[in-house]
Amino acid sequence: MESATLTILGGLIGYGLGVLLALGVSALPVMPFHASFSFGGFSLAFGVSTVVGLVFGVMPANAASRKDLIEIIR
């Protein structure tokens, strides 16, 4: 649960900050381009972020759950 929550919130916050930064940079008068955003770009960024976060959050938790608690305490 923790890795899913952190991954989803991190992905949303990261994408939001990226959008704001891109809009800020493209608003400068010396820039020859304007930022554009699509649902495909959002879904790709959010999907990759979610998969990476869940894989690296679940793998250590799974390995830790297989250990004997008595051996860890000693």
PDB file of N, CA and C in Angstrom:
ATOM      1  N   MET A   1       0.818  -1.191   0.000  1.00  0.00           N
ATOM      2  CA  MET A   1       0.000   0.000   0.000  1.00  0.00           C
ATOM      3  C   MET A   1       0.864   1.259   0.000  1.00  0.00           C
ATOM      4  N   GLU A   2       1.921   1.198   0.778  1.00  0.00           N
ATOM      5  CA  GLU A   2       2.778   2.385   0.879  1.00  0.00           C
ATOM      6  C   GLU A   2       3.439   2.701  -0.457  1.00  0.00           C
ATOM      7  N   SER A   3       3.971   1.690  -1.112  1.00  0.00           N
ATOM      8  CA  SER A   3       4.645   1.954  -2.376  1.00  0.00           C
ATOM      9  C   SER A   3       3.654   2.402  -3.440  1.00  0.00           C
ATOM     10  N   ALA A   4       2.434   1.879  -3.429  1.00  0.00           N
ATOM     11  CA  ALA A   4       1.424   2.308  -4.400  1.00  0.00           C
ATOM     12  C   ALA A   4       1.030   3.761  -4.163  1.00  0.00           C
ATOM     13  N   THR A   5       0.829   4.128  -2.913  1.00  0.00           N
ATOM     14  CA  THR A   5       0.448   5.507  -2.586  1.00  0.00           C
ATOM     15  C   THR A   5       1.549   6.484  -2.963  1.00  0.00           C
ATOM     16  N   LEU A   6       2.770   6.163  -2.578  1.00  0.00           N
ATOM     17  CA  LEU A   6       3.889   7.055  -2.888  1.00  0.00           C
ATOM     18  C   LEU A   6       4.125   7.163  -4.389  1.00  0.00           C
ATOM     19  N   THR A   7       3.973   6.064  -5.088  1.00  0.00           N
ATOM     20  CA  THR A   7       4.181   6.056  -6.527  1.00  0.00           C
ATOM     21  C   THR A   7       3.133   6.892  -7.243  1.00  0.00           C
ATOM     22  N   ILE A   8       1.877   6.703  -6.888  1.00  0.00           N
ATOM     23  CA  ILE A   8       0.803   7.444  -7.544  1.00  0.00           C
ATOM     24  C   ILE A   8       0.900   8.929  -7.243  1.00  0.00           C
ATOM     25  N   LEU A   9       1.100   9.277  -5.978  1.00  0.00           N
ATOM     26  CA  LEU A   9       1.223  10.700  -5.628  1.00  0.00           C
ATOM     27  C   LEU A   9       2.463  11.325  -6.267  1.00  0.00           C
ATOM     28  N   GLY A  10       3.559  10.601  -6.258  1.00  0.00           N
ATOM     29  CA  GLY A  10       4.784  11.111  -6.880  1.00  0.00           C
ATOM     30  C   GLY A  10       4.633  11.308  -8.373  1.00  0.00           C
ATOM     31  N   GLY A  11       3.956  10.379  -9.037  1.00  0.00           N
ATOM     32  CA  GLY A  11       3.717  10.511 -10.471  1.00  0.00           C
ATOM     33  C   GLY A  11       2.844  11.708 -10.798  1.00  0.00           C
ATOM     34  N   LEU A  12       1.786  11.902 -10.026  1.00  0.00           N
ATOM     35  CA  LEU A  12       0.889  13.045 -10.262  1.00  0.00           C
ATOM     36  C   LEU A  12       1.571  14.377  -9.975  1.00  0.00           C
ATOM     37  N   ILE A  13       2.295  14.439  -8.874  1.00  0.00           N
ATOM     38  CA  ILE A  13       3.001  15.681  -8.527  1.00  0.00           C
ATOM     39  C   ILE A  13       4.100  15.975  -9.547  1.00  0.00           C
ATOM     40  N   GLY A  14       4.847  14.955  -9.950  1.00  0.00           N
ATOM     41  CA  GLY A  14       5.909  15.145 -10.936  1.00  0.00           C
ATOM     42  C   GLY A  14       5.379  15.606 -12.277  1.00  0.00           C
ATOM     43  N   TYR A  15       4.282  15.016 -12.726  1.00  0.00           N
ATOM     44  CA  TYR A  15       3.707  15.429 -14.000  1.00  0.00           C
ATOM     45  C   TYR A  15       3.154  16.848 -13.902  1.00  0.00           C
ATOM     46  N   GLY A  16       2.519  17.165 -12.790  1.00  0.00           N
ATOM     47  CA  GLY A  16       1.995  18.523 -12.600  1.00  0.00           C
ATOM     48  C   GLY A  16       3.101  19.572 -12.601  1.00  0.00           C
ATOM     49  N   LEU A  17       4.190  19.295 -11.913  1.00  0.00           N
ATOM     50  CA  LEU A  17       5.314  20.231 -11.902  1.00  0.00           C
ATOM     51  C   LEU A  17       5.957  20.348 -13.278  1.00  0.00           C
ATOM     52  N   GLY A  18       6.001  19.243 -14.007  1.00  0.00           N
ATOM     53  CA  GLY A  18       6.538  19.281 -15.373  1.00  0.00           C
ATOM     54  C   GLY A  18       5.684  20.139 -16.291  1.00  0.00           C
ATOM     55  N   VAL A  19       4.376  20.022 -16.145  1.00  0.00           N
ATOM     56  CA  VAL A  19       3.459  20.845 -16.957  1.00  0.00           C
ATOM     57  C   VAL A  19       3.646  22.317 -16.620  1.00  0.00           C
ATOM     58  N   LEU A  20       3.702  22.640 -15.343  1.00  0.00           N
ATOM     59  CA  LEU A  20       3.887  24.036 -14.944  1.00  0.00           C
ATOM     60  C   LEU A  20       5.218  24.586 -15.439  1.00  0.00           C
ATOM     61  N   LEU A  21       6.271  23.812 -15.337  1.00  0.00           N
ATOM     62  CA  LEU A  21       7.581  24.258 -15.809  1.00  0.00           C
ATOM     63  C   LEU A  21       7.576  24.448 -17.320  1.00  0.00           C
ATOM     64  N   ALA A  22       6.970  23.531 -18.048  1.00  0.00           N
ATOM     65  CA  ALA A  22       6.916  23.649 -19.505  1.00  0.00           C
ATOM     66  C   ALA A  22       6.095  24.860 -19.924  1.00  0.00           C
ATOM     67  N   LEU A  23       4.991  25.109 -19.250  1.00  0.00           N
ATOM     68  CA  LEU A  23       4.180  26.288 -19.568  1.00  0.00           C
ATOM     69  C   LEU A  23       4.938  27.579 -19.253  1.00  0.00           C
ATOM     70  N   GLY A  24       5.670  27.570 -18.141  1.00  0.00           N
ATOM     71  CA  GLY A  24       6.459  28.747 -17.781  1.00  0.00           C
ATOM     72  C   GLY A  24       7.561  29.035 -18.778  1.00  0.00           C
ATOM     73  N   VAL A  25       8.246  28.003 -19.223  1.00  0.00           N
ATOM     74  CA  VAL A  25       9.335  28.185 -20.190  1.00  0.00           C
ATOM     75  C   VAL A  25       8.775  28.606 -21.545  1.00  0.00           C
ATOM     76  N   SER A  26       7.679  27.994 -21.960  1.00  0.00           N
ATOM     77  CA  SER A  26       7.130  28.337 -23.272  1.00  0.00           C
ATOM     78  C   SER A  26       6.475  29.715 -23.284  1.00  0.00           C
ATOM     79  N   ALA A  27       6.190  30.279 -22.120  1.00  0.00           N
ATOM     80  CA  ALA A  27       5.605  31.617 -22.052  1.00  0.00           C
ATOM     81  C   ALA A  27       6.654  32.718 -22.234  1.00  0.00           C
ATOM     82  N   LEU A  28       7.919  32.352 -22.133  1.00  0.00           N
ATOM     83  CA  LEU A  28       8.974  33.342 -22.329  1.00  0.00           C
ATOM     84  C   LEU A  28       8.945  33.833 -23.781  1.00  0.00           C
ATOM     85  N   PRO A  29       9.125  35.120 -23.987  1.00  0.00           N
ATOM     86  CA  PRO A  29       9.013  35.644 -25.359  1.00  0.00           C
ATOM     87  C   PRO A  29      10.141  35.207 -26.293  1.00  0.00           C
ATOM     88  N   VAL A  30      11.258  34.755 -25.773  1.00  0.00           N
ATOM     89  CA  VAL A  30      12.379  34.373 -26.635  1.00  0.00           C
ATOM     90  C   VAL A  30      12.305  32.920 -27.104  1.00  0.00           C
ATOM     91  N   MET A  31      11.340  32.149 -26.590  1.00  0.00           N
ATOM     92  CA  MET A  31      11.212  30.748 -26.969  1.00  0.00           C
ATOM     93  C   MET A  31      10.403  30.617 -28.250  1.00  0.00           C
ATOM     94  N   PRO A  32      10.918  29.872 -29.227  1.00  0.00           N
ATOM     95  CA  PRO A  32      10.203  29.741 -30.501  1.00  0.00           C
ATOM     96  C   PRO A  32       9.137  28.635 -30.505  1.00  0.00           C
ATOM     97  N   PHE A  33       8.818  28.050 -29.352  1.00  0.00           N
ATOM     98  CA  PHE A  33       7.852  26.954 -29.298  1.00  0.00           C
ATOM     99  C   PHE A  33       6.874  27.169 -28.152  1.00  0.00           C
ATOM    100  N   HIS A  34       5.809  26.418 -28.192  1.00  0.00           N
ATOM    101  CA  HIS A  34       4.820  26.441 -27.121  1.00  0.00           C
ATOM    102  C   HIS A  34       4.588  25.009 -26.652  1.00  0.00           C
ATOM    103  N   ALA A  35       4.399  24.851 -25.374  1.00  0.00           N
ATOM    104  CA  ALA A  35       4.190  23.524 -24.800  1.00  0.00           C
ATOM    105  C   ALA A  35       2.804  23.002 -25.161  1.00  0.00           C
ATOM    106  N   SER A  36       2.732  21.723 -25.439  1.00  0.00           N
ATOM    107  CA  SER A  36       1.445  21.073 -25.656  1.00  0.00           C
ATOM    108  C   SER A  36       1.436  19.763 -24.884  1.00  0.00           C
ATOM    109  N   PHE A  37       0.275  19.353 -24.437  1.00  0.00           N
ATOM    110  CA  PHE A  37       0.153  18.172 -23.597  1.00  0.00           C
ATOM    111  C   PHE A  37      -0.943  17.280 -24.146  1.00  0.00           C
ATOM    112  N   SER A  38      -0.740  15.981 -24.011  1.00  0.00           N
ATOM    113  CA  SER A  38      -1.735  15.028 -24.493  1.00  0.00           C
ATOM    114  C   SER A  38      -1.984  13.971 -23.424  1.00  0.00           C
ATOM    115  N   PHE A  39      -3.099  13.314 -23.561  1.00  0.00           N
ATOM    116  CA  PHE A  39      -3.412  12.237 -22.628  1.00  0.00           C
ATOM    117  C   PHE A  39      -2.447  11.070 -22.815  1.00  0.00           C
ATOM    118  N   GLY A  40      -1.981  10.838 -24.040  1.00  0.00           N
ATOM    119  CA  GLY A  40      -1.021   9.771 -24.293  1.00  0.00           C
ATOM    120  C   GLY A  40       0.289   9.993 -23.561  1.00  0.00           C
ATOM    121  N   GLY A  41       0.771  11.222 -23.562  1.00  0.00           N
ATOM    122  CA  GLY A  41       1.999  11.542 -22.837  1.00  0.00           C
ATOM    123  C   GLY A  41       1.832  11.380 -21.338  1.00  0.00           C
ATOM    124  N   PHE A  42       0.683  11.824 -20.848  1.00  0.00           N
ATOM    125  CA  PHE A  42       0.410  11.672 -19.417  1.00  0.00           C
ATOM    126  C   PHE A  42       0.337  10.199 -19.033  1.00  0.00           C
ATOM    127  N   SER A  43      -0.382   9.403 -19.823  1.00  0.00           N
ATOM    128  CA  SER A  43      -0.538   7.992 -19.480  1.00  0.00           C
ATOM    129  C   SER A  43       0.791   7.242 -19.560  1.00  0.00           C
ATOM    130  N   LEU A  44       1.642   7.596 -20.514  1.00  0.00           N
ATOM    131  CA  LEU A  44       2.955   6.961 -20.605  1.00  0.00           C
ATOM    132  C   LEU A  44       3.811   7.307 -19.390  1.00  0.00           C
ATOM    133  N   ALA A  45       3.876   8.585 -19.040  1.00  0.00           N
ATOM    134  CA  ALA A  45       4.691   9.011 -17.894  1.00  0.00           C
ATOM    135  C   ALA A  45       4.154   8.416 -16.593  1.00  0.00           C
ATOM    136  N   PHE A  46       2.854   8.456 -16.430  1.00  0.00           N
ATOM    137  CA  PHE A  46       2.248   7.934 -15.212  1.00  0.00           C
ATOM    138  C   PHE A  46       2.391   6.416 -15.136  1.00  0.00           C
ATOM    139  N   GLY A  47       2.242   5.738 -16.261  1.00  0.00           N
ATOM    140  CA  GLY A  47       2.377   4.281 -16.283  1.00  0.00           C
ATOM    141  C   GLY A  47       3.786   3.820 -15.951  1.00  0.00           C
ATOM    142  N   VAL A  48       4.774   4.459 -16.547  1.00  0.00           N
ATOM    143  CA  VAL A  48       6.170   4.092 -16.266  1.00  0.00           C
ATOM    144  C   VAL A  48       6.505   4.368 -14.801  1.00  0.00           C
ATOM    145  N   SER A  49       6.070   5.504 -14.297  1.00  0.00           N
ATOM    146  CA  SER A  49       6.313   5.847 -12.894  1.00  0.00           C
ATOM    147  C   SER A  49       5.670   4.828 -11.963  1.00  0.00           C
ATOM    148  N   THR A  50       4.453   4.425 -12.267  1.00  0.00           N
ATOM    149  CA  THR A  50       3.735   3.468 -11.429  1.00  0.00           C
ATOM    150  C   THR A  50       4.397   2.097 -11.453  1.00  0.00           C
ATOM    151  N   VAL A  51       4.774   1.634 -12.626  1.00  0.00           N
ATOM    152  CA  VAL A  51       5.406   0.310 -12.731  1.00  0.00           C
ATOM    153  C   VAL A  51       6.736   0.280 -11.987  1.00  0.00           C
ATOM    154  N   VAL A  52       7.555   1.295 -12.185  1.00  0.00           N
ATOM    155  CA  VAL A  52       8.864   1.334 -11.513  1.00  0.00           C
ATOM    156  C   VAL A  52       8.688   1.405 -10.002  1.00  0.00           C
ATOM    157  N   GLY A  53       7.788   2.267  -9.546  1.00  0.00           N
ATOM    158  CA  GLY A  53       7.563   2.399  -8.103  1.00  0.00           C
ATOM    159  C   GLY A  53       7.034   1.128  -7.474  1.00  0.00           C
ATOM    160  N   LEU A  54       6.105   0.466  -8.148  1.00  0.00           N
ATOM    161  CA  LEU A  54       5.545  -0.761  -7.581  1.00  0.00           C
ATOM    162  C   LEU A  54       6.555  -1.901  -7.588  1.00  0.00           C
ATOM    163  N   VAL A  55       7.318  -2.030  -8.661  1.00  0.00           N
ATOM    164  CA  VAL A  55       8.311  -3.106  -8.713  1.00  0.00           C
ATOM    165  C   VAL A  55       9.351  -2.926  -7.614  1.00  0.00           C
ATOM    166  N   PHE A  56       9.874  -1.709  -7.464  1.00  0.00           N
ATOM    167  CA  PHE A  56      10.922  -1.492  -6.462  1.00  0.00           C
ATOM    168  C   PHE A  56      10.364  -1.296  -5.063  1.00  0.00           C
ATOM    169  N   GLY A  57       9.050  -1.236  -4.912  1.00  0.00           N
ATOM    170  CA  GLY A  57       8.445  -1.208  -3.594  1.00  0.00           C
ATOM    171  C   GLY A  57       8.003  -2.579  -3.133  1.00  0.00           C
ATOM    172  N   VAL A  58       7.532  -3.404  -4.075  1.00  0.00           N
ATOM    173  CA  VAL A  58       7.010  -4.723  -3.717  1.00  0.00           C
ATOM    174  C   VAL A  58       8.136  -5.747  -3.570  1.00  0.00           C
ATOM    175  N   MET A  59       9.158  -5.667  -4.382  1.00  0.00           N
ATOM    176  CA  MET A  59      10.239  -6.652  -4.316  1.00  0.00           C
ATOM    177  C   MET A  59      10.909  -6.700  -2.941  1.00  0.00           C
ATOM    178  N   PRO A  60      11.336  -5.579  -2.365  1.00  0.00           N
ATOM    179  CA  PRO A  60      11.947  -5.661  -1.024  1.00  0.00           C
ATOM    180  C   PRO A  60      10.955  -6.103   0.055  1.00  0.00           C
ATOM    181  N   ALA A  61       9.694  -5.670  -0.072  1.00  0.00           N
ATOM    182  CA  ALA A  61       8.692  -6.071   0.917  1.00  0.00           C
ATOM    183  C   ALA A  61       8.438  -7.577   0.842  1.00  0.00           C
ATOM    184  N   ASN A  62       8.410  -8.114  -0.351  1.00  0.00           N
ATOM    185  CA  ASN A  62       8.213  -9.549  -0.528  1.00  0.00           C
ATOM    186  C   ASN A  62       9.390 -10.329   0.044  1.00  0.00           C
ATOM    187  N   ALA A  63      10.603  -9.847  -0.206  1.00  0.00           N
ATOM    188  CA  ALA A  63      11.786 -10.531   0.332  1.00  0.00           C
ATOM    189  C   ALA A  63      11.814 -10.457   1.853  1.00  0.00           C
ATOM    190  N   ALA A  64      11.406  -9.332   2.415  1.00  0.00           N
ATOM    191  CA  ALA A  64      11.409  -9.194   3.871  1.00  0.00           C
ATOM    192  C   ALA A  64      10.324 -10.049   4.514  1.00  0.00           C
ATOM    193  N   SER A  65       9.226 -10.257   3.821  1.00  0.00           N
ATOM    194  CA  SER A  65       8.140 -11.060   4.403  1.00  0.00           C
ATOM    195  C   SER A  65       8.478 -12.540   4.463  1.00  0.00           C
ATOM    196  N   ARG A  66       9.448 -12.980   3.716  1.00  0.00           N
ATOM    197  CA  ARG A  66       9.835 -14.396   3.705  1.00  0.00           C
ATOM    198  C   ARG A  66      10.827 -14.740   4.811  1.00  0.00           C
ATOM    199  N   LYS A  67      11.392 -13.749   5.458  1.00  0.00           N
ATOM    200  CA  LYS A  67      12.383 -14.007   6.500  1.00  0.00           C
ATOM    201  C   LYS A  67      11.705 -14.366   7.814  1.00  0.00           C
ATOM    202  N   ASP A  68      12.408 -15.124   8.620  1.00  0.00           N
ATOM    203  CA  ASP A  68      11.910 -15.530   9.928  1.00  0.00           C
ATOM    204  C   ASP A  68      12.115 -14.384  10.919  1.00  0.00           C
ATOM    205  N   LEU A  69      11.040 -13.982  11.567  1.00  0.00           N
ATOM    206  CA  LEU A  69      11.124 -12.841  12.484  1.00  0.00           C
ATOM    207  C   LEU A  69      12.042 -13.109  13.675  1.00  0.00           C
ATOM    208  N   ILE A  70      12.077 -14.325  14.149  1.00  0.00           N
ATOM    209  CA  ILE A  70      12.947 -14.656  15.271  1.00  0.00           C
ATOM    210  C   ILE A  70      14.415 -14.465  14.891  1.00  0.00           C
ATOM    211  N   GLU A  71      14.786 -14.844  13.691  1.00  0.00           N
ATOM    212  CA  GLU A  71      16.162 -14.675  13.227  1.00  0.00           C
ATOM    213  C   GLU A  71      16.500 -13.192  13.049  1.00  0.00           C
ATOM    214  N   ILE A  72      15.545 -12.407  12.621  1.00  0.00           N
ATOM    215  CA  ILE A  72      15.801 -10.968  12.445  1.00  0.00           C
ATOM    216  C   ILE A  72      16.025 -10.289  13.785  1.00  0.00           C
ATOM    217  N   ILE A  73      15.254 -10.670  14.795  1.00  0.00           N
ATOM    218  CA  ILE A  73      15.361 -10.061  16.127  1.00  0.00           C
ATOM    219  C   ILE A  73      16.695 -10.397  16.785  1.00  0.00           C
ATOM    220  N   ARG A  74      17.225 -11.605  16.565  1.00  0.00           N
ATOM    221  CA  ARG A  74      18.497 -12.005  17.182  1.00  0.00           C
ATOM    222  C   ARG A  74      19.570 -11.219  16.589  1.00  0.00           C
TER     223      ARG A  74
END
